Amino acid sequence: MSDIIGYILITIGVLFDIFGCVGLVRFPDVYNRLQAATKCVTLGTIMLLVGVAVVAGINATCAKAIVCAVFILITSPTGAHAIARGAHISGVPLWKDSVVDKYADEVDKTTD
């Protein structure tokens, strides 16, 4: 039974990773692409690793998968935030149909 649950988690994780990769290709600007990379790929990779841990059982592979999942959970959003902030500071423009720029609003409030 745990093998079936593990394979279902692996399948869902791979699908999320595929959707995240499609988002990287299809979205119009760096900020939207970071959204796809951070949300979909982080969730997909963590589900894939949890599925591997469930299938492997309690052993060294399970421990490595959980450690990798925690590492990805911490570093992926942090890296995406740093890239987005660096892109904004360096003047990379938003997509022409973007509605709001919250970071620019925050910077305006702090300089007043």
Protein backbone atom coordinates (compact mmCIF):
# COMPACT_ATOMS: atom_id res chain seq x y z
CA MET A 1 0.00 0.00 0.00
CA SER A 2 2.81 2.42 0.82
CA ASP A 3 4.37 1.72 -2.58
CA ILE A 4 1.18 2.83 -4.32
CA ILE A 5 1.02 6.03 -2.26
CA GLY A 6 4.71 6.67 -2.95
CA TYR A 7 4.27 6.21 -6.71
CA ILE A 8 1.23 8.50 -6.70
CA LEU A 9 3.29 11.19 -4.91
CA ILE A 10 6.13 10.71 -7.40
CA THR A 11 3.73 11.04 -10.33
CA ILE A 12 2.14 14.19 -8.92
CA GLY A 13 5.60 15.61 -8.24
CA VAL A 14 6.76 14.95 -11.79
CA LEU A 15 3.60 16.59 -13.16
CA PHE A 16 4.18 19.69 -11.02
CA ASP A 17 7.79 19.81 -12.24
CA ILE A 18 6.63 19.58 -15.86
CA PHE A 19 4.07 22.36 -15.33
CA GLY A 20 6.77 24.51 -13.73
CA CYS A 21 9.09 23.95 -16.69
CA VAL A 22 6.30 24.85 -19.12
CA GLY A 23 5.74 28.02 -17.10
CA LEU A 24 9.42 28.89 -17.41
CA VAL A 25 9.10 28.76 -21.18
CA ARG A 26 5.66 30.34 -21.57
CA PHE A 27 5.54 33.19 -19.04
CA PRO A 28 6.43 36.65 -20.38
CA ASP A 29 8.92 38.13 -17.90
CA VAL A 30 11.45 37.18 -15.26
CA TYR A 31 9.06 37.79 -12.37
CA ASN A 32 6.33 35.49 -13.71
CA ARG A 33 8.94 32.87 -14.58
CA LEU A 34 10.24 32.97 -11.03
CA GLN A 35 6.69 32.36 -9.85
CA ALA A 36 6.52 29.17 -11.93
CA ALA A 37 9.96 28.03 -10.86
CA THR A 38 9.40 28.67 -7.18
CA LYS A 39 5.87 27.40 -6.67
CA CYS A 40 5.55 24.49 -9.08
CA VAL A 41 9.07 23.15 -9.09
CA THR A 42 9.53 23.43 -5.32
CA LEU A 43 6.25 21.67 -4.60
CA GLY A 44 6.84 19.11 -7.34
CA THR A 45 10.37 18.26 -6.25
CA ILE A 46 9.37 17.98 -2.60
CA MET A 47 6.46 15.68 -3.49
CA LEU A 48 8.81 13.60 -5.62
CA LEU A 49 11.30 13.30 -2.77
CA VAL A 50 8.59 12.45 -0.24
CA GLY A 51 7.33 9.78 -2.65
CA VAL A 52 10.84 8.34 -2.87
CA ALA A 53 11.06 8.35 0.93
CA VAL A 54 7.73 6.51 1.21
CA VAL A 55 8.72 3.89 -1.37
CA ALA A 56 12.21 3.41 0.12
CA GLY A 57 10.97 2.89 3.65
CA ILE A 58 12.97 3.77 6.76
CA ASN A 59 16.60 3.67 5.63
CA ALA A 60 19.42 5.91 4.43
CA THR A 61 17.64 6.74 1.17
CA CYS A 62 14.63 8.01 3.10
CA ALA A 63 16.82 10.21 5.29
CA LYS A 64 18.64 11.64 2.27
CA ALA A 65 15.35 12.37 0.50
CA ILE A 66 13.94 14.19 3.54
CA VAL A 67 17.15 16.22 3.99
CA CYS A 68 17.09 17.19 0.30
CA ALA A 69 13.40 18.17 0.56
CA VAL A 70 14.09 20.43 3.54
CA PHE A 71 17.06 21.96 1.72
CA ILE A 72 14.94 22.70 -1.37
CA LEU A 73 12.12 24.08 0.79
CA ILE A 74 14.51 26.60 2.33
CA THR A 75 16.76 27.54 -0.59
CA SER A 76 14.38 27.70 -3.55
CA PRO A 77 12.10 30.50 -2.29
CA THR A 78 15.08 32.35 -0.82
CA GLY A 79 16.96 32.21 -4.11
CA ALA A 80 13.91 33.27 -6.11
CA HIS A 81 13.38 36.23 -3.79
CA ALA A 82 17.01 37.30 -4.20
CA ILE A 83 16.81 37.00 -7.98
CA ALA A 84 13.54 38.97 -8.15
CA ARG A 85 14.87 41.71 -5.88
CA GLY A 86 18.11 41.92 -7.86
CA ALA A 87 16.19 42.08 -11.14
CA HIS A 88 13.95 44.84 -9.79
CA ILE A 89 16.84 46.87 -8.43
CA SER A 90 18.78 46.54 -11.69
CA GLY A 91 15.78 47.85 -13.62
CA VAL A 92 14.42 44.76 -15.38
CA PRO A 93 10.98 45.91 -16.54
CA LEU A 94 7.75 44.19 -15.62
CA TRP A 95 5.56 42.71 -18.33
CA LYS A 96 3.59 45.43 -20.15
CA ASP A 97 0.25 44.07 -18.87
CA SER A 98 1.33 43.90 -15.22
CA VAL A 99 -1.17 45.58 -12.95
CA VAL A 100 0.77 46.50 -9.81
CA ASP A 101 4.34 46.74 -8.58
CA LYS A 102 4.21 46.26 -4.80
CA TYR A 103 7.98 46.47 -4.36
CA ALA A 104 8.10 49.91 -5.99
CA ASP A 105 5.26 51.02 -3.70
CA GLU A 106 7.24 49.84 -0.65
CA VAL A 107 10.38 51.64 -1.82
CA ASP A 108 8.38 54.84 -2.35
CA LYS A 109 6.99 54.64 1.20
CA THR A 110 10.44 54.23 2.76
CA THR A 111 11.95 57.15 0.83
CA ASP A 112 9.19 59.59 1.84
